[in-house]
Amino acid sequence: MTADDSFHRLEDDDYPAYTMGRAAEMLNTTQGFLRAIGEARLITPLRSPGGHRRYSRYQLRIAARARELVDGGTPIDAACRIVILEDQLEEAKRINAEHHRDTKPPGTPASA
């Protein structure tokens, strides 16, 4: 792998580039919080060959949303469930929009 290949992997939202310590620092939270949302199955970090947790940018965004809810007084299990449901809703909306776009008759304007 070249240095250029490594750089492009860092641009990938799903590439597990961040250690637990760095992820906690970036989110201004504790490693215990990251463990707790992992136990609640909100995110499942990849493991390095040495067994250390590694987080992607996508996972950090999910963790940050859970942290907002917990900071607002929502219990951690409920916060994780809310974030999972929000994520599922966004995916359903994306699929629905894609379906509507793909099923329009030919010649139909994009705004119709």
PDB file of N, CA and C in Angstrom:
ATOM      1  N   MET A   1       0.846  -1.178   0.000  1.00  0.00           N
ATOM      2  CA  MET A   1       0.000   0.000   0.000  1.00  0.00           C
ATOM      3  C   MET A   1       0.885   1.234   0.000  1.00  0.00           C
ATOM      4  N   THR A   2       0.518   2.171  -0.840  1.00  0.00           N
ATOM      5  CA  THR A   2       1.295   3.401  -0.928  1.00  0.00           C
ATOM      6  C   THR A   2       0.745   4.424   0.061  1.00  0.00           C
ATOM      7  N   ALA A   3       1.512   5.486   0.273  1.00  0.00           N
ATOM      8  CA  ALA A   3       1.055   6.566   1.162  1.00  0.00           C
ATOM      9  C   ALA A   3      -0.212   7.186   0.602  1.00  0.00           C
ATOM     10  N   ASP A   4      -0.318   7.284  -0.733  1.00  0.00           N
ATOM     11  CA  ASP A   4      -1.502   7.856  -1.359  1.00  0.00           C
ATOM     12  C   ASP A   4      -2.731   7.000  -1.062  1.00  0.00           C
ATOM     13  N   ASP A   5      -2.581   5.651  -1.112  1.00  0.00           N
ATOM     14  CA  ASP A   5      -3.688   4.749  -0.781  1.00  0.00           C
ATOM     15  C   ASP A   5      -4.131   4.965   0.663  1.00  0.00           C
ATOM     16  N   SER A   6      -3.193   5.110   1.572  1.00  0.00           N
ATOM     17  CA  SER A   6      -3.511   5.318   2.985  1.00  0.00           C
ATOM     18  C   SER A   6      -4.274   6.616   3.175  1.00  0.00           C
ATOM     19  N   PHE A   7      -3.860   7.661   2.485  1.00  0.00           N
ATOM     20  CA  PHE A   7      -4.530   8.952   2.602  1.00  0.00           C
ATOM     21  C   PHE A   7      -5.982   8.845   2.169  1.00  0.00           C
ATOM     22  N   HIS A   8      -6.250   8.166   1.050  1.00  0.00           N
ATOM     23  CA  HIS A   8      -7.619   8.042   0.548  1.00  0.00           C
ATOM     24  C   HIS A   8      -8.480   7.214   1.490  1.00  0.00           C
ATOM     25  N   ARG A   9      -7.901   6.263   2.181  1.00  0.00           N
ATOM     26  CA  ARG A   9      -8.671   5.477   3.149  1.00  0.00           C
ATOM     27  C   ARG A   9      -9.143   6.366   4.291  1.00  0.00           C
ATOM     28  N   LEU A  10      -8.371   7.380   4.656  1.00  0.00           N
ATOM     29  CA  LEU A  10      -8.765   8.272   5.733  1.00  0.00           C
ATOM     30  C   LEU A  10      -9.971   9.119   5.349  1.00  0.00           C
ATOM     31  N   GLU A  11     -10.200   9.297   4.061  1.00  0.00           N
ATOM     32  CA  GLU A  11     -11.365  10.036   3.587  1.00  0.00           C
ATOM     33  C   GLU A  11     -12.635   9.186   3.633  1.00  0.00           C
ATOM     34  N   ASP A  12     -12.484   7.886   3.809  1.00  0.00           N
ATOM     35  CA  ASP A  12     -13.593   6.936   3.848  1.00  0.00           C
ATOM     36  C   ASP A  12     -14.279   7.019   5.217  1.00  0.00           C
ATOM     37  N   ASP A  13     -15.578   7.331   5.237  1.00  0.00           N
ATOM     38  CA  ASP A  13     -16.328   7.458   6.494  1.00  0.00           C
ATOM     39  C   ASP A  13     -16.364   6.158   7.291  1.00  0.00           C
ATOM     40  N   ASP A  14     -16.171   5.034   6.628  1.00  0.00           N
ATOM     41  CA  ASP A  14     -16.260   3.747   7.306  1.00  0.00           C
ATOM     42  C   ASP A  14     -14.903   3.164   7.696  1.00  0.00           C
ATOM     43  N   TYR A  15     -13.829   3.853   7.364  1.00  0.00           N
ATOM     44  CA  TYR A  15     -12.494   3.365   7.702  1.00  0.00           C
ATOM     45  C   TYR A  15     -12.222   3.583   9.203  1.00  0.00           C
ATOM     46  N   PRO A  16     -11.902   2.536   9.944  1.00  0.00           N
ATOM     47  CA  PRO A  16     -11.680   2.652  11.396  1.00  0.00           C
ATOM     48  C   PRO A  16     -10.317   3.269  11.723  1.00  0.00           C
ATOM     49  N   ALA A  17     -10.245   4.572  11.661  1.00  0.00           N
ATOM     50  CA  ALA A  17      -8.970   5.276  11.782  1.00  0.00           C
ATOM     51  C   ALA A  17      -8.648   5.758  13.190  1.00  0.00           C
ATOM     52  N   TYR A  18      -9.634   5.750  14.101  1.00  0.00           N
ATOM     53  CA  TYR A  18      -9.439   6.401  15.395  1.00  0.00           C
ATOM     54  C   TYR A  18      -9.404   5.393  16.545  1.00  0.00           C
ATOM     55  N   THR A  19      -8.415   5.543  17.393  1.00  0.00           N
ATOM     56  CA  THR A  19      -8.328   4.710  18.591  1.00  0.00           C
ATOM     57  C   THR A  19      -9.406   5.146  19.579  1.00  0.00           C
ATOM     58  N   MET A  20      -9.632   4.332  20.578  1.00  0.00           N
ATOM     59  CA  MET A  20     -10.634   4.676  21.579  1.00  0.00           C
ATOM     60  C   MET A  20     -10.270   5.980  22.289  1.00  0.00           C
ATOM     61  N   GLY A  21      -9.021   6.134  22.650  1.00  0.00           N
ATOM     62  CA  GLY A  21      -8.591   7.348  23.337  1.00  0.00           C
ATOM     63  C   GLY A  21      -8.806   8.586  22.490  1.00  0.00           C
ATOM     64  N   ARG A  22      -8.446   8.499  21.225  1.00  0.00           N
ATOM     65  CA  ARG A  22      -8.613   9.645  20.319  1.00  0.00           C
ATOM     66  C   ARG A  22     -10.092   9.923  20.079  1.00  0.00           C
ATOM     67  N   ALA A  23     -10.886   8.865  19.912  1.00  0.00           N
ATOM     68  CA  ALA A  23     -12.321   9.040  19.701  1.00  0.00           C
ATOM     69  C   ALA A  23     -12.955   9.725  20.909  1.00  0.00           C
ATOM     70  N   ALA A  24     -12.618   9.285  22.107  1.00  0.00           N
ATOM     71  CA  ALA A  24     -13.158   9.892  23.322  1.00  0.00           C
ATOM     72  C   ALA A  24     -12.750  11.360  23.412  1.00  0.00           C
ATOM     73  N   GLU A  25     -11.516  11.638  23.072  1.00  0.00           N
ATOM     74  CA  GLU A  25     -11.019  13.022  23.103  1.00  0.00           C
ATOM     75  C   GLU A  25     -11.779  13.894  22.097  1.00  0.00           C
ATOM     76  N   MET A  26     -11.984  13.388  20.892  1.00  0.00           N
ATOM     77  CA  MET A  26     -12.676  14.145  19.853  1.00  0.00           C
ATOM     78  C   MET A  26     -14.125  14.439  20.241  1.00  0.00           C
ATOM     79  N   LEU A  27     -14.753  13.503  20.968  1.00  0.00           N
ATOM     80  CA  LEU A  27     -16.146  13.656  21.363  1.00  0.00           C
ATOM     81  C   LEU A  27     -16.299  14.326  22.724  1.00  0.00           C
ATOM     82  N   ASN A  28     -15.166  14.625  23.340  1.00  0.00           N
ATOM     83  CA  ASN A  28     -15.170  15.223  24.674  1.00  0.00           C
ATOM     84  C   ASN A  28     -15.974  14.360  25.648  1.00  0.00           C
ATOM     85  N   THR A  29     -15.675  13.074  25.630  1.00  0.00           N
ATOM     86  CA  THR A  29     -16.352  12.119  26.493  1.00  0.00           C
ATOM     87  C   THR A  29     -15.329  11.160  27.082  1.00  0.00           C
ATOM     88  N   THR A  30     -15.803  10.122  27.721  1.00  0.00           N
ATOM     89  CA  THR A  30     -14.897   9.142  28.327  1.00  0.00           C
ATOM     90  C   THR A  30     -14.858   7.864  27.497  1.00  0.00           C
ATOM     91  N   GLN A  31     -13.835   7.096  27.722  1.00  0.00           N
ATOM     92  CA  GLN A  31     -13.758   5.787  27.075  1.00  0.00           C
ATOM     93  C   GLN A  31     -14.874   4.887  27.589  1.00  0.00           C
ATOM     94  N   GLY A  32     -15.270   5.093  28.838  1.00  0.00           N
ATOM     95  CA  GLY A  32     -16.385   4.327  29.406  1.00  0.00           C
ATOM     96  C   GLY A  32     -17.687   4.557  28.656  1.00  0.00           C
ATOM     97  N   PHE A  33     -17.901   5.801  28.216  1.00  0.00           N
ATOM     98  CA  PHE A  33     -19.093   6.096  27.419  1.00  0.00           C
ATOM     99  C   PHE A  33     -19.049   5.311  26.118  1.00  0.00           C
ATOM    100  N   LEU A  34     -17.904   5.283  25.464  1.00  0.00           N
ATOM    101  CA  LEU A  34     -17.774   4.531  24.215  1.00  0.00           C
ATOM    102  C   LEU A  34     -17.993   3.037  24.444  1.00  0.00           C
ATOM    103  N   ARG A  35     -17.490   2.516  25.550  1.00  0.00           N
ATOM    104  CA  ARG A  35     -17.728   1.112  25.881  1.00  0.00           C
ATOM    105  C   ARG A  35     -19.225   0.872  26.095  1.00  0.00           C
ATOM    106  N   ALA A  36     -19.884   1.797  26.801  1.00  0.00           N
ATOM    107  CA  ALA A  36     -21.312   1.645  27.109  1.00  0.00           C
ATOM    108  C   ALA A  36     -22.166   1.631  25.845  1.00  0.00           C
ATOM    109  N   ILE A  37     -21.883   2.502  24.896  1.00  0.00           N
ATOM    110  CA  ILE A  37     -22.694   2.495  23.672  1.00  0.00           C
ATOM    111  C   ILE A  37     -22.350   1.287  22.806  1.00  0.00           C
ATOM    112  N   GLY A  38     -21.151   0.760  22.978  1.00  0.00           N
ATOM    113  CA  GLY A  38     -20.809  -0.501  22.317  1.00  0.00           C
ATOM    114  C   GLY A  38     -21.584  -1.663  22.927  1.00  0.00           C
ATOM    115  N   GLU A  39     -21.681  -1.686  24.254  1.00  0.00           N
ATOM    116  CA  GLU A  39     -22.448  -2.732  24.943  1.00  0.00           C
ATOM    117  C   GLU A  39     -23.931  -2.635  24.604  1.00  0.00           C
ATOM    118  N   ALA A  40     -24.412  -1.416  24.372  1.00  0.00           N
ATOM    119  CA  ALA A  40     -25.808  -1.212  23.974  1.00  0.00           C
ATOM    120  C   ALA A  40     -26.013  -1.508  22.489  1.00  0.00           C
ATOM    121  N   ARG A  41     -24.947  -1.862  21.808  1.00  0.00           N
ATOM    122  CA  ARG A  41     -24.953  -2.231  20.383  1.00  0.00           C
ATOM    123  C   ARG A  41     -25.325  -1.092  19.449  1.00  0.00           C
ATOM    124  N   LEU A  42     -25.024   0.126  19.897  1.00  0.00           N
ATOM    125  CA  LEU A  42     -25.224   1.267  19.008  1.00  0.00           C
ATOM    126  C   LEU A  42     -24.154   1.257  17.929  1.00  0.00           C
ATOM    127  N   ILE A  43     -22.931   1.049  18.326  1.00  0.00           N
ATOM    128  CA  ILE A  43     -21.816   0.927  17.379  1.00  0.00           C
ATOM    129  C   ILE A  43     -20.972  -0.272  17.780  1.00  0.00           C
ATOM    130  N   THR A  44     -20.347  -0.876  16.806  1.00  0.00           N
ATOM    131  CA  THR A  44     -19.440  -1.989  17.053  1.00  0.00           C
ATOM    132  C   THR A  44     -18.110  -1.633  16.407  1.00  0.00           C
ATOM    133  N   PRO A  45     -17.171  -1.158  17.200  1.00  0.00           N
ATOM    134  CA  PRO A  45     -15.887  -0.777  16.616  1.00  0.00           C
ATOM    135  C   PRO A  45     -15.138  -2.007  16.107  1.00  0.00           C
ATOM    136  N   LEU A  46     -14.339  -1.791  15.081  1.00  0.00           N
ATOM    137  CA  LEU A  46     -13.463  -2.855  14.627  1.00  0.00           C
ATOM    138  C   LEU A  46     -12.354  -3.032  15.656  1.00  0.00           C
ATOM    139  N   ARG A  47     -11.702  -4.143  15.597  1.00  0.00           N
ATOM    140  CA  ARG A  47     -10.587  -4.397  16.502  1.00  0.00           C
ATOM    141  C   ARG A  47      -9.296  -4.491  15.688  1.00  0.00           C
ATOM    142  N   SER A  48      -8.253  -3.875  16.231  1.00  0.00           N
ATOM    143  CA  SER A  48      -6.929  -3.969  15.601  1.00  0.00           C
ATOM    144  C   SER A  48      -6.407  -5.384  15.835  1.00  0.00           C
ATOM    145  N   PRO A  49      -5.337  -5.767  15.147  1.00  0.00           N
ATOM    146  CA  PRO A  49      -4.762  -7.095  15.392  1.00  0.00           C
ATOM    147  C   PRO A  49      -4.408  -7.312  16.874  1.00  0.00           C
ATOM    148  N   GLY A  50      -4.119  -6.244  17.578  1.00  0.00           N
ATOM    149  CA  GLY A  50      -3.806  -6.345  19.009  1.00  0.00           C
ATOM    150  C   GLY A  50      -5.036  -6.321  19.898  1.00  0.00           C
ATOM    151  N   GLY A  51      -6.234  -6.207  19.308  1.00  0.00           N
ATOM    152  CA  GLY A  51      -7.474  -6.233  20.068  1.00  0.00           C
ATOM    153  C   GLY A  51      -7.997  -4.874  20.501  1.00  0.00           C
ATOM    154  N   HIS A  52      -7.354  -3.804  20.058  1.00  0.00           N
ATOM    155  CA  HIS A  52      -7.782  -2.455  20.446  1.00  0.00           C
ATOM    156  C   HIS A  52      -8.941  -1.991  19.573  1.00  0.00           C
ATOM    157  N   ARG A  53      -9.853  -1.266  20.179  1.00  0.00           N
ATOM    158  CA  ARG A  53     -11.014  -0.747  19.446  1.00  0.00           C
ATOM    159  C   ARG A  53     -10.576   0.371  18.493  1.00  0.00           C
ATOM    160  N   ARG A  54     -11.175   0.367  17.294  1.00  0.00           N
ATOM    161  CA  ARG A  54     -10.939   1.395  16.288  1.00  0.00           C
ATOM    162  C   ARG A  54     -12.280   1.890  15.777  1.00  0.00           C
ATOM    163  N   TYR A  55     -12.413   3.208  15.676  1.00  0.00           N
ATOM    164  CA  TYR A  55     -13.681   3.820  15.295  1.00  0.00           C
ATOM    165  C   TYR A  55     -13.561   4.567  13.972  1.00  0.00           C
ATOM    166  N   SER A  56     -14.659   4.559  13.210  1.00  0.00           N
ATOM    167  CA  SER A  56     -14.716   5.296  11.947  1.00  0.00           C
ATOM    168  C   SER A  56     -15.370   6.657  12.200  1.00  0.00           C
ATOM    169  N   ARG A  57     -15.272   7.529  11.204  1.00  0.00           N
ATOM    170  CA  ARG A  57     -15.922   8.842  11.316  1.00  0.00           C
ATOM    171  C   ARG A  57     -17.434   8.690  11.413  1.00  0.00           C
ATOM    172  N   TYR A  58     -17.992   7.744  10.681  1.00  0.00           N
ATOM    173  CA  TYR A  58     -19.433   7.492  10.765  1.00  0.00           C
ATOM    174  C   TYR A  58     -19.811   7.087  12.195  1.00  0.00           C
ATOM    175  N   GLN A  59     -19.052   6.204  12.801  1.00  0.00           N
ATOM    176  CA  GLN A  59     -19.331   5.787  14.169  1.00  0.00           C
ATOM    177  C   GLN A  59     -19.193   6.947  15.155  1.00  0.00           C
ATOM    178  N   LEU A  60     -18.246   7.822  14.912  1.00  0.00           N
ATOM    179  CA  LEU A  60     -18.079   8.979  15.786  1.00  0.00           C
ATOM    180  C   LEU A  60     -19.284   9.917  15.689  1.00  0.00           C
ATOM    181  N   ARG A  61     -19.852  10.074  14.495  1.00  0.00           N
ATOM    182  CA  ARG A  61     -21.052  10.907  14.356  1.00  0.00           C
ATOM    183  C   ARG A  61     -22.223  10.294  15.121  1.00  0.00           C
ATOM    184  N   ILE A  62     -22.363   8.983  15.038  1.00  0.00           N
ATOM    185  CA  ILE A  62     -23.420   8.272  15.755  1.00  0.00           C
ATOM    186  C   ILE A  62     -23.214   8.440  17.264  1.00  0.00           C
ATOM    187  N   ALA A  63     -21.973   8.263  17.714  1.00  0.00           N
ATOM    188  CA  ALA A  63     -21.655   8.403  19.135  1.00  0.00           C
ATOM    189  C   ALA A  63     -21.909   9.829  19.615  1.00  0.00           C
ATOM    190  N   ALA A  64     -21.604  10.817  18.789  1.00  0.00           N
ATOM    191  CA  ALA A  64     -21.822  12.215  19.157  1.00  0.00           C
ATOM    192  C   ALA A  64     -23.310  12.499  19.334  1.00  0.00           C
ATOM    193  N   ARG A  65     -24.142  11.941  18.483  1.00  0.00           N
ATOM    194  CA  ARG A  65     -25.595  12.125  18.613  1.00  0.00           C
ATOM    195  C   ARG A  65     -26.087  11.495  19.915  1.00  0.00           C
ATOM    196  N   ALA A  66     -25.603  10.300  20.230  1.00  0.00           N
ATOM    197  CA  ALA A  66     -25.989   9.647  21.484  1.00  0.00           C
ATOM    198  C   ALA A  66     -25.544  10.491  22.673  1.00  0.00           C
ATOM    199  N   ARG A  67     -24.355  11.044  22.569  1.00  0.00           N
ATOM    200  CA  ARG A  67     -23.839  11.884  23.645  1.00  0.00           C
ATOM    201  C   ARG A  67     -24.727  13.114  23.869  1.00  0.00           C
ATOM    202  N   GLU A  68     -25.209  13.734  22.789  1.00  0.00           N
ATOM    203  CA  GLU A  68     -26.126  14.878  22.906  1.00  0.00           C
ATOM    204  C   GLU A  68     -27.374  14.503  23.702  1.00  0.00           C
ATOM    205  N   LEU A  69     -27.930  13.341  23.373  1.00  0.00           N
ATOM    206  CA  LEU A  69     -29.143  12.898  24.057  1.00  0.00           C
ATOM    207  C   LEU A  69     -28.882  12.614  25.537  1.00  0.00           C
ATOM    208  N   VAL A  70     -27.769  11.941  25.811  1.00  0.00           N
ATOM    209  CA  VAL A  70     -27.419  11.621  27.204  1.00  0.00           C
ATOM    210  C   VAL A  70     -27.168  12.904  27.983  1.00  0.00           C
ATOM    211  N   ASP A  71     -26.476  13.842  27.370  1.00  0.00           N
ATOM    212  CA  ASP A  71     -26.226  15.136  28.031  1.00  0.00           C
ATOM    213  C   ASP A  71     -27.532  15.868  28.325  1.00  0.00           C
ATOM    214  N   GLY A  72     -28.564  15.601  27.527  1.00  0.00           N
ATOM    215  CA  GLY A  72     -29.865  16.218  27.732  1.00  0.00           C
ATOM    216  C   GLY A  72     -30.737  15.482  28.737  1.00  0.00           C
ATOM    217  N   GLY A  73     -30.197  14.420  29.317  1.00  0.00           N
ATOM    218  CA  GLY A  73     -30.930  13.703  30.360  1.00  0.00           C
ATOM    219  C   GLY A  73     -31.539  12.376  29.941  1.00  0.00           C
ATOM    220  N   THR A  74     -31.350  11.974  28.703  1.00  0.00           N
ATOM    221  CA  THR A  74     -31.894  10.699  28.237  1.00  0.00           C
ATOM    222  C   THR A  74     -31.000   9.557  28.731  1.00  0.00           C
ATOM    223  N   PRO A  75     -31.589   8.506  29.306  1.00  0.00           N
ATOM    224  CA  PRO A  75     -30.776   7.349  29.716  1.00  0.00           C
ATOM    225  C   PRO A  75     -30.039   6.759  28.511  1.00  0.00           C
ATOM    226  N   ILE A  76     -28.874   6.205  28.742  1.00  0.00           N
ATOM    227  CA  ILE A  76     -28.015   5.756  27.644  1.00  0.00           C
ATOM    228  C   ILE A  76     -28.686   4.703  26.759  1.00  0.00           C
ATOM    229  N   ASP A  77     -29.411   3.743  27.353  1.00  0.00           N
ATOM    230  CA  ASP A  77     -30.081   2.727  26.530  1.00  0.00           C
ATOM    231  C   ASP A  77     -31.144   3.355  25.626  1.00  0.00           C
ATOM    232  N   ALA A  78     -31.897   4.309  26.182  1.00  0.00           N
ATOM    233  CA  ALA A  78     -32.920   4.997  25.383  1.00  0.00           C
ATOM    234  C   ALA A  78     -32.269   5.848  24.298  1.00  0.00           C
ATOM    235  N   ALA A  79     -31.185   6.521  24.632  1.00  0.00           N
ATOM    236  CA  ALA A  79     -30.476   7.350  23.649  1.00  0.00           C
ATOM    237  C   ALA A  79     -29.992   6.488  22.487  1.00  0.00           C
ATOM    238  N   CYS A  80     -29.456   5.325  22.800  1.00  0.00           N
ATOM    239  CA  CYS A  80     -28.971   4.430  21.738  1.00  0.00           C
ATOM    240  C   CYS A  80     -30.116   3.978  20.848  1.00  0.00           C
ATOM    241  N   ARG A  81     -31.252   3.662  21.457  1.00  0.00           N
ATOM    242  CA  ARG A  81     -32.409   3.232  20.668  1.00  0.00           C
ATOM    243  C   ARG A  81     -32.905   4.370  19.770  1.00  0.00           C
ATOM    244  N   ILE A  82     -32.949   5.572  20.302  1.00  0.00           N
ATOM    245  CA  ILE A  82     -33.379   6.736  19.519  1.00  0.00           C
ATOM    246  C   ILE A  82     -32.456   6.935  18.311  1.00  0.00           C
ATOM    247  N   VAL A  83     -31.158   6.854  18.536  1.00  0.00           N
ATOM    248  CA  VAL A  83     -30.197   7.055  17.452  1.00  0.00           C
ATOM    249  C   VAL A  83     -30.350   5.966  16.393  1.00  0.00           C
ATOM    250  N   ILE A  84     -30.560   4.738  16.826  1.00  0.00           N
ATOM    251  CA  ILE A  84     -30.763   3.634  15.874  1.00  0.00           C
ATOM    252  C   ILE A  84     -32.010   3.901  15.033  1.00  0.00           C
ATOM    253  N   LEU A  85     -33.092   4.321  15.680  1.00  0.00           N
ATOM    254  CA  LEU A  85     -34.329   4.603  14.945  1.00  0.00           C
ATOM    255  C   LEU A  85     -34.169   5.786  13.999  1.00  0.00           C
ATOM    256  N   GLU A  86     -33.460   6.823  14.432  1.00  0.00           N
ATOM    257  CA  GLU A  86     -33.201   7.968  13.547  1.00  0.00           C
ATOM    258  C   GLU A  86     -32.418   7.531  12.317  1.00  0.00           C
ATOM    259  N   ASP A  87     -31.428   6.685  12.523  1.00  0.00           N
ATOM    260  CA  ASP A  87     -30.601   6.197  11.422  1.00  0.00           C
ATOM    261  C   ASP A  87     -31.439   5.349  10.461  1.00  0.00           C
ATOM    262  N   GLN A  88     -32.296   4.497  11.010  1.00  0.00           N
ATOM    263  CA  GLN A  88     -33.165   3.671  10.165  1.00  0.00           C
ATOM    264  C   GLN A  88     -34.146   4.533   9.368  1.00  0.00           C
ATOM    265  N   LEU A  89     -34.674   5.568   9.996  1.00  0.00           N
ATOM    266  CA  LEU A  89     -35.597   6.467   9.305  1.00  0.00           C
ATOM    267  C   LEU A  89     -34.906   7.176   8.141  1.00  0.00           C
ATOM    268  N   GLU A  90     -33.696   7.669   8.374  1.00  0.00           N
ATOM    269  CA  GLU A  90     -32.956   8.338   7.295  1.00  0.00           C
ATOM    270  C   GLU A  90     -32.694   7.382   6.135  1.00  0.00           C
ATOM    271  N   GLU A  91     -32.356   6.134   6.447  1.00  0.00           N
ATOM    272  CA  GLU A  91     -32.113   5.143   5.396  1.00  0.00           C
ATOM    273  C   GLU A  91     -33.402   4.851   4.638  1.00  0.00           C
ATOM    274  N   ALA A  92     -34.526   4.729   5.340  1.00  0.00           N
ATOM    275  CA  ALA A  92     -35.813   4.480   4.684  1.00  0.00           C
ATOM    276  C   ALA A  92     -36.189   5.646   3.776  1.00  0.00           C
ATOM    277  N   LYS A  93     -35.955   6.872   4.229  1.00  0.00           N
ATOM    278  CA  LYS A  93     -36.229   8.050   3.400  1.00  0.00           C
ATOM    279  C   LYS A  93     -35.378   8.042   2.140  1.00  0.00           C
ATOM    280  N   ARG A  94     -34.113   7.679   2.291  1.00  0.00           N
ATOM    281  CA  ARG A  94     -33.212   7.623   1.134  1.00  0.00           C
ATOM    282  C   ARG A  94     -33.694   6.580   0.126  1.00  0.00           C
ATOM    283  N   ILE A  95     -34.055   5.412   0.618  1.00  0.00           N
ATOM    284  CA  ILE A  95     -34.531   4.332  -0.256  1.00  0.00           C
ATOM    285  C   ILE A  95     -35.832   4.739  -0.935  1.00  0.00           C
ATOM    286  N   ASN A  96     -36.731   5.377  -0.193  1.00  0.00           N
ATOM    287  CA  ASN A  96     -38.006   5.824  -0.745  1.00  0.00           C
ATOM    288  C   ASN A  96     -37.790   6.844  -1.865  1.00  0.00           C
ATOM    289  N   ALA A  97     -36.922   7.818  -1.621  1.00  0.00           N
ATOM    290  CA  ALA A  97     -36.631   8.829  -2.643  1.00  0.00           C
ATOM    291  C   ALA A  97     -36.017   8.183  -3.882  1.00  0.00           C
ATOM    292  N   GLU A  98     -35.141   7.216  -3.671  1.00  0.00           N
ATOM    293  CA  GLU A  98     -34.513   6.499  -4.786  1.00  0.00           C
ATOM    294  C   GLU A  98     -35.577   5.737  -5.580  1.00  0.00           C
ATOM    295  N   HIS A  99     -36.478   5.089  -4.872  1.00  0.00           N
ATOM    296  CA  HIS A  99     -37.544   4.328  -5.524  1.00  0.00           C
ATOM    297  C   HIS A  99     -38.431   5.250  -6.361  1.00  0.00           C
ATOM    298  N   HIS A 100     -38.828   6.392  -5.794  1.00  0.00           N
ATOM    299  CA  HIS A 100     -39.670   7.337  -6.530  1.00  0.00           C
ATOM    300  C   HIS A 100     -38.948   7.876  -7.759  1.00  0.00           C
ATOM    301  N   ARG A 101     -37.669   8.124  -7.627  1.00  0.00           N
ATOM    302  CA  ARG A 101     -36.887   8.625  -8.755  1.00  0.00           C
ATOM    303  C   ARG A 101     -36.808   7.568  -9.852  1.00  0.00           C
ATOM    304  N   ASP A 102     -36.646   6.309  -9.471  1.00  0.00           N
ATOM    305  CA  ASP A 102     -36.492   5.238 -10.449  1.00  0.00           C
ATOM    306  C   ASP A 102     -37.801   4.796 -11.094  1.00  0.00           C
ATOM    307  N   THR A 103     -38.942   5.136 -10.472  1.00  0.00           N
ATOM    308  CA  THR A 103     -40.226   4.667 -11.009  1.00  0.00           C
ATOM    309  C   THR A 103     -41.006   5.747 -11.749  1.00  0.00           C
ATOM    310  N   LYS A 104     -40.439   6.940 -11.931  1.00  0.00           N
ATOM    311  CA  LYS A 104     -41.116   7.999 -12.682  1.00  0.00           C
ATOM    312  C   LYS A 104     -41.153   7.628 -14.158  1.00  0.00           C
ATOM    313  N   PRO A 105     -42.285   7.919 -14.799  1.00  0.00           N
ATOM    314  CA  PRO A 105     -42.358   7.643 -16.240  1.00  0.00           C
ATOM    315  C   PRO A 105     -41.340   8.515 -16.987  1.00  0.00           C
ATOM    316  N   PRO A 106     -40.851   8.025 -18.133  1.00  0.00           N
ATOM    317  CA  PRO A 106     -39.909   8.809 -18.921  1.00  0.00           C
ATOM    318  C   PRO A 106     -40.508  10.169 -19.286  1.00  0.00           C
ATOM    319  N   GLY A 107     -39.705  11.199 -19.223  1.00  0.00           N
ATOM    320  CA  GLY A 107     -40.131  12.536 -19.587  1.00  0.00           C
ATOM    321  C   GLY A 107     -40.770  13.323 -18.450  1.00  0.00           C
ATOM    322  N   THR A 108     -40.921  12.689 -17.279  1.00  0.00           N
ATOM    323  CA  THR A 108     -41.497  13.390 -16.135  1.00  0.00           C
ATOM    324  C   THR A 108     -40.441  14.323 -15.556  1.00  0.00           C
ATOM    325  N   PRO A 109     -40.812  15.596 -15.322  1.00  0.00           N
ATOM    326  CA  PRO A 109     -39.836  16.521 -14.745  1.00  0.00           C
ATOM    327  C   PRO A 109     -39.364  16.048 -13.364  1.00  0.00           C
ATOM    328  N   ALA A 110     -38.159  16.398 -13.001  1.00  0.00           N
ATOM    329  CA  ALA A 110     -37.566  15.975 -11.730  1.00  0.00           C
ATOM    330  C   ALA A 110     -38.355  16.483 -10.546  1.00  0.00           C
ATOM    331  N   SER A 111     -39.021  17.623 -10.675  1.00  0.00           N
ATOM    332  CA  SER A 111     -39.778  18.207  -9.558  1.00  0.00           C
ATOM    333  C   SER A 111     -41.159  17.603  -9.410  1.00  0.00           C
ATOM    334  N   ALA A 112     -41.588  16.760 -10.335  1.00  0.00           N
ATOM    335  CA  ALA A 112     -42.948  16.190 -10.280  1.00  0.00           C
ATOM    336  C   ALA A 112     -43.018  15.001  -9.367  1.00  0.00           C
TER     337      ALA A 112
END
